[in-house]
Each structure stands twice: as structure tokens, then as C-alpha cells.
Amino acid sequence: MNEIVQWLTEPLQFGFMQRALLVSLAAGLVCAVLSCWITLIGWSLLGDAVSHAVLPGVVLAYVLALPFSLGAFLFGSLAVGLIAGVRSTTKLKGDAAIGVVFTGLFALGLVLVSRIPSQVDLNHILFGNVLGVTDSDILQVLVIAAIVLAVALVKRRDLTLYAFDPTHAHAVGLNPRRIGALLLTMLALTVVVALQAVGVILVTAMLITPGATAFLLTKRFPRMLAVAAALSVFSSVLGTYLSFHLDTSTGGMIVVCQTLVFALVYLGAPEQGLIARAVRRRGVAGSAVRA
């Protein structure tokens, strides 16, 4: 028992671990909430695009001594606008437009990094630097996370109706374009929050995995939100602790924990799990043979 208590309390003796836990919790919670709508709408690839497209904005923000969140948000919004523009002015399908925009912006970010290696640590941008966050970084993360969560709370019904049936949303007086734009703005802000914890490359996992995991566990959307948030927060805390004790990448360990939770749910979910479905198939086959 003492060993468990020591395992839990030892990291909290260090200020950098306290800050890391706070940022990881905020990122895990806000990503989980938004991931539910992303999963339902089918915007997983768009989340991947925005998370990668912010790289040049982050690099420029570092160079100009501006808050990295400002550069990330501007380029995330730019990516969303470019994708929408390409889709509306050409016959290209959405996935093609997304692929062209996000790879182009991500490549631009890599070029910028290669030109100014002494001023920008590529590893911190790509994989996060949650152990090195400052008080100003924490303030930015908490403020942005609070804004996104507040908007999600106020607009949850409109966002949910838009996710399930945009046509019906329009019929009852909602503007699907405005709701879609609001959700895309929330997505860009959420990417800014998660960047500090896990970096550009791993943001996609935090935006997709919690919602996908909760989707396998429940069919009711309010419960899906709660499950996704609980599992994401658990993975964020566990991943941060494990990274301390095992001396590994914090962002990477958080995503590994989320993936392991998904794997367990994929195998053992009561209704949609692989094991449960196999048992039902055997039961049906056995009944057919006896008949």
C-alpha cells in the first residue's frame, strides 16, 4: 500500500509534473468532448488536417516571440478556410482537398524549421513539451479550454442535431453552415490546447480515440460525452504518471494509454466488442444446428 501511495505522490513533489498534469487534464477533457461530434460527423481526417496544418503557425510564432497559440489558431483557421475554398470551387472530393491543404502546410512548416533550427526545437513542436510548460502556457491552455467547453455546453443541442441530421437542423431553423463553422473554430482551438501536451503529430489521436472508444460503449450521445471525457482524463493522468516513472515521452505515453483503452473496449465492449459479437454468432449458429 505504501508503495502505491509513493508511486502516486512522488511525481507531485515536482512543480513541472504538477503543471504537466494540469495541462494534460485540460487537453484530455476538451479533446474528448469535441471528439464525440467529430466521430459522429466523420471529420476524423479534417481533425488530422488541422493538427498538422498549424505547424508553420507555431514556428512563426516562436520566431516572432508571439504566443504559439496565436500562430496555431491562425493557421488552423487558414487550413479550414482553404479546404472549404478548394471544395467549393472545384470538383475534388473532400478527402482530396484536405490532403492537398494539410500536407502543403505541414511541409511549409518543416521547411521553416529547417531554415531556423537554432531557434525552434522541432521535437517540442512535433511531440509536445508538456513537462516544460510555463505559467503563461498554462493560462493560455486553461482559458482556451474553458471557452471551448463553455461553447460546447451552450450549443450542445444544436451541435448534436447538426451531427446527426443537418437537413433536419435546417428545417427547424438552424443554419448548418454557421454551426459547421462554429464546430470548425472549436476544432482549431482544441488543437491549440492539445499541441502543448502531445505536439502536432499526436493531436489527431486525442481528437479521435476518446470519441471512437465511447462510441463502442454506448448509443446515447450524452452518455457518450461522459464516457469519452472520463476515459480521456484517465488516460491523460495515467500516461503522465507512467512517463515520469518510466522516463518516456509524456505525449506518446498518453496516446498509448488511450489506444490501449480503445483496444480493451474493442475486444470487450458488452454489445459491440469483438468477443461479445463472436459469442452471439456462436449462439446463433448453435441454435440453427439444434433446429
C-alpha atoms as a PDB file:
ATOM      1  CA  MET A   1       0.000   0.000   0.000  1.00  0.00           C
ATOM      2  CA  ASN A   2       2.816   2.386   0.861  1.00  0.00           C
ATOM      3  CA  GLU A   3       4.417   1.683  -2.492  1.00  0.00           C
ATOM      4  CA  ILE A   4       1.216   2.661  -4.297  1.00  0.00           C
ATOM      5  CA  VAL A   5       0.919   5.869  -2.296  1.00  0.00           C
ATOM      6  CA  GLN A   6       4.541   6.700  -3.022  1.00  0.00           C
ATOM      7  CA  TRP A   7       4.019   5.921  -6.724  1.00  0.00           C
ATOM      8  CA  LEU A   8       1.136   8.402  -6.806  1.00  0.00           C
ATOM      9  CA  THR A   9       2.637  11.149  -4.674  1.00  0.00           C
ATOM     10  CA  GLU A  10       6.248  11.177  -5.819  1.00  0.00           C
ATOM     11  CA  PRO A  11       5.611  12.985  -9.129  1.00  0.00           C
ATOM     12  CA  LEU A  12       3.543  15.638  -7.349  1.00  0.00           C
ATOM     13  CA  GLN A  13       6.631  16.764  -5.422  1.00  0.00           C
ATOM     14  CA  PHE A  14       7.896  18.428  -8.598  1.00  0.00           C
ATOM     15  CA  GLY A  15       6.399  21.624  -9.944  1.00  0.00           C
ATOM     16  CA  PHE A  16       6.897  20.619 -13.574  1.00  0.00           C
ATOM     17  CA  MET A  17       4.856  17.443 -13.004  1.00  0.00           C
ATOM     18  CA  GLN A  18       2.044  19.381 -11.363  1.00  0.00           C
ATOM     19  CA  ARG A  19       1.903  21.692 -14.374  1.00  0.00           C
ATOM     20  CA  ALA A  20       2.112  18.753 -16.770  1.00  0.00           C
ATOM     21  CA  LEU A  21      -0.809  17.012 -15.080  1.00  0.00           C
ATOM     22  CA  LEU A  22      -2.917  20.164 -15.229  1.00  0.00           C
ATOM     23  CA  VAL A  23      -2.257  20.725 -18.927  1.00  0.00           C
ATOM     24  CA  SER A  24      -2.786  17.037 -19.747  1.00  0.00           C
ATOM     25  CA  LEU A  25      -6.102  17.021 -17.903  1.00  0.00           C
ATOM     26  CA  ALA A  26      -7.325  20.135 -19.719  1.00  0.00           C
ATOM     27  CA  ALA A  27      -6.235  18.806 -23.105  1.00  0.00           C
ATOM     28  CA  GLY A  28      -7.723  15.375 -22.471  1.00  0.00           C
ATOM     29  CA  LEU A  29     -11.080  16.785 -21.393  1.00  0.00           C
ATOM     30  CA  VAL A  30     -11.579  19.278 -24.204  1.00  0.00           C
ATOM     31  CA  CYS A  31     -10.349  16.836 -26.881  1.00  0.00           C
ATOM     32  CA  ALA A  32     -12.668  14.114 -25.606  1.00  0.00           C
ATOM     33  CA  VAL A  33     -15.737  16.343 -25.730  1.00  0.00           C
ATOM     34  CA  LEU A  34     -15.042  17.538 -29.266  1.00  0.00           C
ATOM     35  CA  SER A  35     -14.047  14.053 -30.455  1.00  0.00           C
ATOM     36  CA  CYS A  36     -17.613  12.821 -29.964  1.00  0.00           C
ATOM     37  CA  TRP A  37     -19.005  15.229 -32.557  1.00  0.00           C
ATOM     38  CA  ILE A  38     -16.034  14.632 -34.861  1.00  0.00           C
ATOM     39  CA  THR A  39     -16.682  10.878 -34.706  1.00  0.00           C
ATOM     40  CA  LEU A  40     -20.383  11.234 -35.485  1.00  0.00           C
ATOM     41  CA  ILE A  41     -19.905  13.676 -38.361  1.00  0.00           C
ATOM     42  CA  GLY A  42     -16.972  11.782 -39.840  1.00  0.00           C
ATOM     43  CA  TRP A  43     -14.452  14.606 -39.559  1.00  0.00           C
ATOM     44  CA  SER A  44     -11.561  12.490 -38.361  1.00  0.00           C
ATOM     45  CA  LEU A  45      -9.465  13.319 -41.424  1.00  0.00           C
ATOM     46  CA  LEU A  46     -10.279  17.002 -41.008  1.00  0.00           C
ATOM     47  CA  GLY A  47      -9.017  16.875 -37.423  1.00  0.00           C
ATOM     48  CA  ASP A  48      -5.809  15.319 -38.707  1.00  0.00           C
ATOM     49  CA  ALA A  49      -5.514  18.071 -41.304  1.00  0.00           C
ATOM     50  CA  VAL A  50      -5.933  20.935 -38.851  1.00  0.00           C
ATOM     51  CA  SER A  51      -3.500  19.439 -36.352  1.00  0.00           C
ATOM     52  CA  HIS A  52      -0.751  19.159 -38.966  1.00  0.00           C
ATOM     53  CA  ALA A  53      -1.508  22.417 -40.749  1.00  0.00           C
ATOM     54  CA  VAL A  54      -0.770  24.514 -37.659  1.00  0.00           C
ATOM     55  CA  LEU A  55       2.951  23.679 -37.766  1.00  0.00           C
ATOM     56  CA  PRO A  56       4.047  26.747 -39.788  1.00  0.00           C
ATOM     57  CA  GLY A  57       1.972  28.970 -37.500  1.00  0.00           C
ATOM     58  CA  VAL A  58       3.681  27.560 -34.424  1.00  0.00           C
ATOM     59  CA  VAL A  59       7.127  28.018 -35.979  1.00  0.00           C
ATOM     60  CA  LEU A  60       6.418  31.613 -36.970  1.00  0.00           C
ATOM     61  CA  ALA A  61       5.033  32.354 -33.521  1.00  0.00           C
ATOM     62  CA  TYR A  62       8.254  31.084 -31.940  1.00  0.00           C
ATOM     63  CA  VAL A  63      10.361  33.151 -34.323  1.00  0.00           C
ATOM     64  CA  LEU A  64       8.357  36.338 -33.729  1.00  0.00           C
ATOM     65  CA  ALA A  65       8.208  35.764 -29.960  1.00  0.00           C
ATOM     66  CA  LEU A  66       4.416  35.568 -30.060  1.00  0.00           C
ATOM     67  CA  PRO A  67       2.200  33.133 -28.146  1.00  0.00           C
ATOM     68  CA  PHE A  68       2.337  29.821 -30.004  1.00  0.00           C
ATOM     69  CA  SER A  69      -1.433  29.511 -29.576  1.00  0.00           C
ATOM     70  CA  LEU A  70      -1.957  32.579 -31.754  1.00  0.00           C
ATOM     71  CA  GLY A  71       0.050  31.185 -34.643  1.00  0.00           C
ATOM     72  CA  ALA A  72      -1.531  27.757 -34.299  1.00  0.00           C
ATOM     73  CA  PHE A  73      -5.058  29.137 -34.290  1.00  0.00           C
ATOM     74  CA  LEU A  74      -4.450  31.413 -37.278  1.00  0.00           C
ATOM     75  CA  PHE A  75      -3.005  28.629 -39.417  1.00  0.00           C
ATOM     76  CA  GLY A  76      -5.621  26.155 -38.221  1.00  0.00           C
ATOM     77  CA  SER A  77      -8.313  28.587 -39.317  1.00  0.00           C
ATOM     78  CA  LEU A  78      -6.434  29.182 -42.571  1.00  0.00           C
ATOM     79  CA  ALA A  79      -6.381  25.437 -43.239  1.00  0.00           C
ATOM     80  CA  VAL A  80     -10.128  25.149 -42.656  1.00  0.00           C
ATOM     81  CA  GLY A  81     -10.781  28.108 -44.976  1.00  0.00           C
ATOM     82  CA  LEU A  82      -8.530  26.751 -47.724  1.00  0.00           C
ATOM     83  CA  ILE A  83     -10.135  23.311 -47.555  1.00  0.00           C
ATOM     84  CA  ALA A  84     -13.610  24.831 -47.792  1.00  0.00           C
ATOM     85  CA  GLY A  85     -12.489  27.044 -50.664  1.00  0.00           C
ATOM     86  CA  VAL A  86     -10.980  24.194 -52.665  1.00  0.00           C
ATOM     87  CA  ARG A  87     -14.048  22.025 -52.132  1.00  0.00           C
ATOM     88  CA  SER A  88     -16.480  24.765 -53.188  1.00  0.00           C
ATOM     89  CA  THR A  89     -14.567  25.896 -56.285  1.00  0.00           C
ATOM     90  CA  THR A  90     -13.535  22.520 -57.723  1.00  0.00           C
ATOM     91  CA  LYS A  91     -14.992  19.070 -58.270  1.00  0.00           C
ATOM     92  CA  LEU A  92     -12.483  17.499 -55.936  1.00  0.00           C
ATOM     93  CA  LYS A  93     -13.866  15.365 -53.119  1.00  0.00           C
ATOM     94  CA  GLY A  94     -13.368  16.416 -49.545  1.00  0.00           C
ATOM     95  CA  ASP A  95     -10.581  13.967 -48.754  1.00  0.00           C
ATOM     96  CA  ALA A  96      -8.533  15.166 -51.730  1.00  0.00           C
ATOM     97  CA  ALA A  97      -8.905  18.819 -50.750  1.00  0.00           C
ATOM     98  CA  ILE A  98      -7.966  18.021 -47.155  1.00  0.00           C
ATOM     99  CA  GLY A  99      -4.930  16.020 -48.245  1.00  0.00           C
ATOM    100  CA  VAL A 100      -3.591  18.750 -50.518  1.00  0.00           C
ATOM    101  CA  VAL A 101      -4.010  21.543 -47.966  1.00  0.00           C
ATOM    102  CA  PHE A 102      -2.725  19.842 -44.848  1.00  0.00           C
ATOM    103  CA  THR A 103       0.288  18.215 -46.495  1.00  0.00           C
ATOM    104  CA  GLY A 104       1.208  21.508 -48.151  1.00  0.00           C
ATOM    105  CA  LEU A 105       1.008  23.487 -44.906  1.00  0.00           C
ATOM    106  CA  PHE A 106       2.781  20.780 -42.927  1.00  0.00           C
ATOM    107  CA  ALA A 107       5.581  20.710 -45.498  1.00  0.00           C
ATOM    108  CA  LEU A 108       5.829  24.502 -45.266  1.00  0.00           C
ATOM    109  CA  GLY A 109       6.257  24.156 -41.519  1.00  0.00           C
ATOM    110  CA  LEU A 110       9.065  21.644 -41.976  1.00  0.00           C
ATOM    111  CA  VAL A 111      10.799  23.981 -44.419  1.00  0.00           C
ATOM    112  CA  LEU A 112      10.576  26.831 -41.927  1.00  0.00           C
ATOM    113  CA  VAL A 113      12.001  24.635 -39.180  1.00  0.00           C
ATOM    114  CA  SER A 114      14.873  23.536 -41.383  1.00  0.00           C
ATOM    115  CA  ARG A 115      15.759  27.174 -42.083  1.00  0.00           C
ATOM    116  CA  ILE A 116      15.784  28.238 -38.429  1.00  0.00           C
ATOM    117  CA  PRO A 117      16.947  25.162 -36.479  1.00  0.00           C
ATOM    118  CA  SER A 118      18.705  27.162 -33.791  1.00  0.00           C
ATOM    119  CA  GLN A 119      15.529  28.997 -32.795  1.00  0.00           C
ATOM    120  CA  VAL A 120      12.948  26.225 -32.904  1.00  0.00           C
ATOM    121  CA  ASP A 121      13.097  22.773 -31.305  1.00  0.00           C
ATOM    122  CA  LEU A 122      11.350  20.521 -33.809  1.00  0.00           C
ATOM    123  CA  ASN A 123      10.829  17.753 -31.259  1.00  0.00           C
ATOM    124  CA  HIS A 124       8.928  20.071 -28.920  1.00  0.00           C
ATOM    125  CA  ILE A 125       6.624  21.145 -31.733  1.00  0.00           C
ATOM    126  CA  LEU A 126       6.041  17.701 -33.200  1.00  0.00           C
ATOM    127  CA  PHE A 127       5.774  15.715 -29.967  1.00  0.00           C
ATOM    128  CA  GLY A 128       4.865  18.319 -27.353  1.00  0.00           C
ATOM    129  CA  ASN A 129       6.718  19.656 -24.354  1.00  0.00           C
ATOM    130  CA  VAL A 130       4.214  19.312 -21.531  1.00  0.00           C
ATOM    131  CA  LEU A 131       6.985  18.975 -18.934  1.00  0.00           C
ATOM    132  CA  GLY A 132       8.336  22.383 -19.911  1.00  0.00           C
ATOM    133  CA  VAL A 133       5.143  24.433 -19.842  1.00  0.00           C
ATOM    134  CA  THR A 134       5.315  27.830 -18.194  1.00  0.00           C
ATOM    135  CA  ASP A 135       2.680  29.623 -16.159  1.00  0.00           C
ATOM    136  CA  SER A 136       1.695  31.674 -19.222  1.00  0.00           C
ATOM    137  CA  ASP A 137       1.319  28.478 -21.258  1.00  0.00           C
ATOM    138  CA  ILE A 138      -0.951  27.021 -18.593  1.00  0.00           C
ATOM    139  CA  LEU A 139      -3.056  30.168 -18.546  1.00  0.00           C
ATOM    140  CA  GLN A 140      -3.489  30.034 -22.330  1.00  0.00           C
ATOM    141  CA  VAL A 141      -4.447  26.370 -22.229  1.00  0.00           C
ATOM    142  CA  LEU A 142      -6.961  26.804 -19.415  1.00  0.00           C
ATOM    143  CA  VAL A 143      -8.584  29.877 -20.958  1.00  0.00           C
ATOM    144  CA  ILE A 144      -8.943  28.291 -24.402  1.00  0.00           C
ATOM    145  CA  ALA A 145     -10.181  25.007 -22.944  1.00  0.00           C
ATOM    146  CA  ALA A 146     -12.753  26.872 -20.829  1.00  0.00           C
ATOM    147  CA  ILE A 147     -14.005  28.769 -23.894  1.00  0.00           C
ATOM    148  CA  VAL A 148     -14.393  25.598 -25.969  1.00  0.00           C
ATOM    149  CA  LEU A 149     -16.130  23.712 -23.169  1.00  0.00           C
ATOM    150  CA  ALA A 150     -18.460  26.640 -22.459  1.00  0.00           C
ATOM    151  CA  VAL A 151     -19.481  26.884 -26.122  1.00  0.00           C
ATOM    152  CA  ALA A 152     -19.948  23.107 -26.263  1.00  0.00           C
ATOM    153  CA  LEU A 153     -22.208  23.264 -23.206  1.00  0.00           C
ATOM    154  CA  VAL A 154     -24.318  26.146 -24.509  1.00  0.00           C
ATOM    155  CA  LYS A 155     -24.583  24.849 -28.081  1.00  0.00           C
ATOM    156  CA  ARG A 156     -24.590  21.095 -27.386  1.00  0.00           C
ATOM    157  CA  ARG A 157     -28.126  20.545 -28.700  1.00  0.00           C
ATOM    158  CA  ASP A 158     -27.524  22.449 -31.937  1.00  0.00           C
ATOM    159  CA  LEU A 159     -24.183  20.725 -32.477  1.00  0.00           C
ATOM    160  CA  THR A 160     -25.688  17.307 -31.807  1.00  0.00           C
ATOM    161  CA  LEU A 161     -28.605  17.878 -34.181  1.00  0.00           C
ATOM    162  CA  TYR A 162     -26.168  19.066 -36.828  1.00  0.00           C
ATOM    163  CA  ALA A 163     -24.036  15.963 -36.304  1.00  0.00           C
ATOM    164  CA  PHE A 164     -26.966  13.555 -36.662  1.00  0.00           C
ATOM    165  CA  ASP A 165     -29.042  15.303 -39.337  1.00  0.00           C
ATOM    166  CA  PRO A 166     -28.018  18.654 -40.912  1.00  0.00           C
ATOM    167  CA  THR A 167     -31.159  18.645 -43.057  1.00  0.00           C
ATOM    168  CA  HIS A 168     -33.415  18.432 -40.027  1.00  0.00           C
ATOM    169  CA  ALA A 169     -31.326  21.106 -38.310  1.00  0.00           C
ATOM    170  CA  HIS A 170     -32.026  23.418 -41.248  1.00  0.00           C
ATOM    171  CA  ALA A 171     -35.732  22.527 -41.174  1.00  0.00           C
ATOM    172  CA  VAL A 172     -36.099  23.592 -37.545  1.00  0.00           C
ATOM    173  CA  GLY A 173     -34.489  26.973 -38.219  1.00  0.00           C
ATOM    174  CA  LEU A 174     -30.805  26.352 -37.600  1.00  0.00           C
ATOM    175  CA  ASN A 175     -28.118  27.416 -40.050  1.00  0.00           C
ATOM    176  CA  PRO A 176     -25.973  24.336 -40.794  1.00  0.00           C
ATOM    177  CA  ARG A 177     -23.190  26.463 -42.281  1.00  0.00           C
ATOM    178  CA  ARG A 178     -22.890  28.574 -39.162  1.00  0.00           C
ATOM    179  CA  ILE A 179     -22.963  25.542 -36.906  1.00  0.00           C
ATOM    180  CA  GLY A 180     -20.344  23.844 -39.061  1.00  0.00           C
ATOM    181  CA  ALA A 181     -18.182  26.972 -38.940  1.00  0.00           C
ATOM    182  CA  LEU A 182     -18.582  27.121 -35.157  1.00  0.00           C
ATOM    183  CA  LEU A 183     -17.537  23.497 -34.813  1.00  0.00           C
ATOM    184  CA  LEU A 184     -14.525  24.065 -37.060  1.00  0.00           C
ATOM    185  CA  THR A 185     -13.480  27.039 -34.949  1.00  0.00           C
ATOM    186  CA  MET A 186     -13.793  24.903 -31.831  1.00  0.00           C
ATOM    187  CA  LEU A 187     -11.683  22.267 -33.569  1.00  0.00           C
ATOM    188  CA  ALA A 188      -8.925  24.779 -34.306  1.00  0.00           C
ATOM    189  CA  LEU A 189      -8.962  25.998 -30.691  1.00  0.00           C
ATOM    190  CA  THR A 190      -8.896  22.443 -29.372  1.00  0.00           C
ATOM    191  CA  VAL A 191      -5.849  21.661 -31.486  1.00  0.00           C
ATOM    192  CA  VAL A 192      -4.141  24.659 -29.890  1.00  0.00           C
ATOM    193  CA  VAL A 193      -4.861  23.230 -26.422  1.00  0.00           C
ATOM    194  CA  ALA A 194      -3.657  19.724 -27.251  1.00  0.00           C
ATOM    195  CA  LEU A 195      -0.497  20.889 -29.017  1.00  0.00           C
ATOM    196  CA  GLN A 196       1.121  21.814 -25.735  1.00  0.00           C
ATOM    197  CA  ALA A 197       0.530  18.341 -24.336  1.00  0.00           C
ATOM    198  CA  VAL A 198       1.253  15.974 -27.211  1.00  0.00           C
ATOM    199  CA  GLY A 199       2.534  18.033 -30.148  1.00  0.00           C
ATOM    200  CA  VAL A 200       1.430  18.302 -33.765  1.00  0.00           C
ATOM    201  CA  ILE A 201       1.690  14.642 -34.711  1.00  0.00           C
ATOM    202  CA  LEU A 202      -0.207  13.107 -31.784  1.00  0.00           C
ATOM    203  CA  VAL A 203      -3.042  15.656 -31.572  1.00  0.00           C
ATOM    204  CA  THR A 204      -5.028  13.581 -34.047  1.00  0.00           C
ATOM    205  CA  ALA A 205      -5.153  10.645 -31.648  1.00  0.00           C
ATOM    206  CA  MET A 206      -6.503  12.791 -28.806  1.00  0.00           C
ATOM    207  CA  LEU A 207      -9.159  14.191 -31.147  1.00  0.00           C
ATOM    208  CA  ILE A 208     -10.342  10.803 -32.418  1.00  0.00           C
ATOM    209  CA  THR A 209      -9.641   7.971 -29.987  1.00  0.00           C
ATOM    210  CA  PRO A 210     -11.801   9.062 -26.998  1.00  0.00           C
ATOM    211  CA  GLY A 211     -14.898   9.559 -29.140  1.00  0.00           C
ATOM    212  CA  ALA A 212     -14.318   6.340 -31.066  1.00  0.00           C
ATOM    213  CA  THR A 213     -13.897   4.409 -27.804  1.00  0.00           C
ATOM    214  CA  ALA A 214     -17.053   5.854 -26.254  1.00  0.00           C
ATOM    215  CA  PHE A 215     -18.984   5.144 -29.467  1.00  0.00           C
ATOM    216  CA  LEU A 216     -18.315   1.431 -28.972  1.00  0.00           C
ATOM    217  CA  LEU A 217     -19.658   1.558 -25.414  1.00  0.00           C
ATOM    218  CA  THR A 218     -22.917   3.484 -25.724  1.00  0.00           C
ATOM    219  CA  LYS A 219     -25.537   4.545 -28.238  1.00  0.00           C
ATOM    220  CA  ARG A 220     -26.764   7.549 -26.250  1.00  0.00           C
ATOM    221  CA  PHE A 221     -24.912  10.755 -27.067  1.00  0.00           C
ATOM    222  CA  PRO A 222     -24.992  12.394 -23.594  1.00  0.00           C
ATOM    223  CA  ARG A 223     -23.524   9.220 -22.134  1.00  0.00           C
ATOM    224  CA  MET A 224     -21.014   9.114 -24.976  1.00  0.00           C
ATOM    225  CA  LEU A 225     -19.764  12.562 -23.970  1.00  0.00           C
ATOM    226  CA  ALA A 226     -19.377  11.499 -20.336  1.00  0.00           C
ATOM    227  CA  VAL A 227     -17.637   8.218 -21.191  1.00  0.00           C
ATOM    228  CA  ALA A 228     -15.251   9.855 -23.640  1.00  0.00           C
ATOM    229  CA  ALA A 229     -14.324  12.539 -21.116  1.00  0.00           C
ATOM    230  CA  ALA A 230     -13.787  10.029 -18.297  1.00  0.00           C
ATOM    231  CA  LEU A 231     -11.636   7.698 -20.403  1.00  0.00           C
ATOM    232  CA  SER A 232      -9.590  10.553 -21.844  1.00  0.00           C
ATOM    233  CA  VAL A 233      -8.914  12.112 -18.443  1.00  0.00           C
ATOM    234  CA  PHE A 234      -7.952   8.700 -17.061  1.00  0.00           C
ATOM    235  CA  SER A 235      -5.558   8.097 -19.970  1.00  0.00           C
ATOM    236  CA  SER A 236      -4.042  11.570 -19.598  1.00  0.00           C
ATOM    237  CA  VAL A 237      -3.356  11.112 -15.888  1.00  0.00           C
ATOM    238  CA  LEU A 238      -2.101   7.552 -16.237  1.00  0.00           C
ATOM    239  CA  GLY A 239       0.068   8.426 -19.227  1.00  0.00           C
ATOM    240  CA  THR A 240       1.634  11.360 -17.403  1.00  0.00           C
ATOM    241  CA  TYR A 241       2.409   9.232 -14.343  1.00  0.00           C
ATOM    242  CA  LEU A 242       3.832   6.399 -16.439  1.00  0.00           C
ATOM    243  CA  SER A 243       6.015   8.790 -18.421  1.00  0.00           C
ATOM    244  CA  PHE A 244       7.519  10.022 -15.149  1.00  0.00           C
ATOM    245  CA  HIS A 245       8.224   6.587 -13.693  1.00  0.00           C
ATOM    246  CA  LEU A 246       9.367   5.007 -16.970  1.00  0.00           C
ATOM    247  CA  ASP A 247      11.222   8.097 -18.248  1.00  0.00           C
ATOM    248  CA  THR A 248       9.396   8.181 -21.573  1.00  0.00           C
ATOM    249  CA  SER A 249       7.680  10.766 -23.771  1.00  0.00           C
ATOM    250  CA  THR A 250       4.648  12.146 -21.926  1.00  0.00           C
ATOM    251  CA  GLY A 251       2.614  12.858 -25.052  1.00  0.00           C
ATOM    252  CA  GLY A 252       3.446   9.481 -26.523  1.00  0.00           C
ATOM    253  CA  MET A 253       2.539   7.661 -23.317  1.00  0.00           C
ATOM    254  CA  ILE A 254      -0.817   9.462 -23.080  1.00  0.00           C
ATOM    255  CA  VAL A 255      -1.718   8.375 -26.603  1.00  0.00           C
ATOM    256  CA  VAL A 256      -0.504   4.822 -25.920  1.00  0.00           C
ATOM    257  CA  CYS A 257      -2.820   4.663 -22.896  1.00  0.00           C
ATOM    258  CA  GLN A 258      -5.737   5.935 -24.985  1.00  0.00           C
ATOM    259  CA  THR A 259      -5.013   3.338 -27.650  1.00  0.00           C
ATOM    260  CA  LEU A 260      -4.802   0.518 -25.100  1.00  0.00           C
ATOM    261  CA  VAL A 261      -8.149   1.569 -23.631  1.00  0.00           C
ATOM    262  CA  PHE A 262      -9.635   1.542 -27.134  1.00  0.00           C
ATOM    263  CA  ALA A 263      -8.195  -1.942 -27.740  1.00  0.00           C
ATOM    264  CA  LEU A 264      -9.718  -3.250 -24.497  1.00  0.00           C
ATOM    265  CA  VAL A 265     -13.101  -1.750 -25.376  1.00  0.00           C
ATOM    266  CA  TYR A 266     -12.872  -3.048 -28.942  1.00  0.00           C
ATOM    267  CA  LEU A 267     -12.366  -6.538 -27.559  1.00  0.00           C
ATOM    268  CA  GLY A 268     -14.622  -6.481 -24.509  1.00  0.00           C
ATOM    269  CA  ALA A 269     -17.456  -3.985 -25.057  1.00  0.00           C
ATOM    270  CA  PRO A 270     -20.765  -5.585 -23.961  1.00  0.00           C
ATOM    271  CA  GLU A 271     -22.545  -5.114 -27.300  1.00  0.00           C
ATOM    272  CA  GLN A 272     -20.066  -4.027 -29.964  1.00  0.00           C
ATOM    273  CA  GLY A 273     -16.961  -5.765 -28.638  1.00  0.00           C
ATOM    274  CA  LEU A 274     -15.250  -8.417 -30.715  1.00  0.00           C
ATOM    275  CA  ILE A 275     -15.679 -11.080 -28.021  1.00  0.00           C
ATOM    276  CA  ALA A 276     -19.369 -10.320 -27.467  1.00  0.00           C
ATOM    277  CA  ARG A 277     -20.088 -10.492 -31.192  1.00  0.00           C
ATOM    278  CA  ALA A 278     -18.218 -13.774 -31.523  1.00  0.00           C
ATOM    279  CA  VAL A 279     -20.246 -15.266 -28.657  1.00  0.00           C
ATOM    280  CA  ARG A 280     -23.506 -14.117 -30.259  1.00  0.00           C
ATOM    281  CA  ARG A 281     -22.519 -15.605 -33.615  1.00  0.00           C
ATOM    282  CA  ARG A 282     -21.722 -18.930 -31.974  1.00  0.00           C
ATOM    283  CA  GLY A 283     -25.023 -18.829 -30.137  1.00  0.00           C
ATOM    284  CA  VAL A 284     -26.945 -18.213 -33.348  1.00  0.00           C
ATOM    285  CA  ALA A 285     -25.019 -20.933 -35.147  1.00  0.00           C
ATOM    286  CA  GLY A 286     -25.680 -23.383 -32.295  1.00  0.00           C
ATOM    287  CA  SER A 287     -29.394 -22.604 -32.330  1.00  0.00           C
ATOM    288  CA  ALA A 288     -29.532 -23.150 -36.091  1.00  0.00           C
ATOM    289  CA  VAL A 289     -27.816 -26.539 -35.762  1.00  0.00           C
ATOM    290  CA  ARG A 290     -30.184 -27.689 -32.989  1.00  0.00           C
ATOM    291  CA  ALA A 291     -33.168 -26.577 -35.050  1.00  0.00           C
END
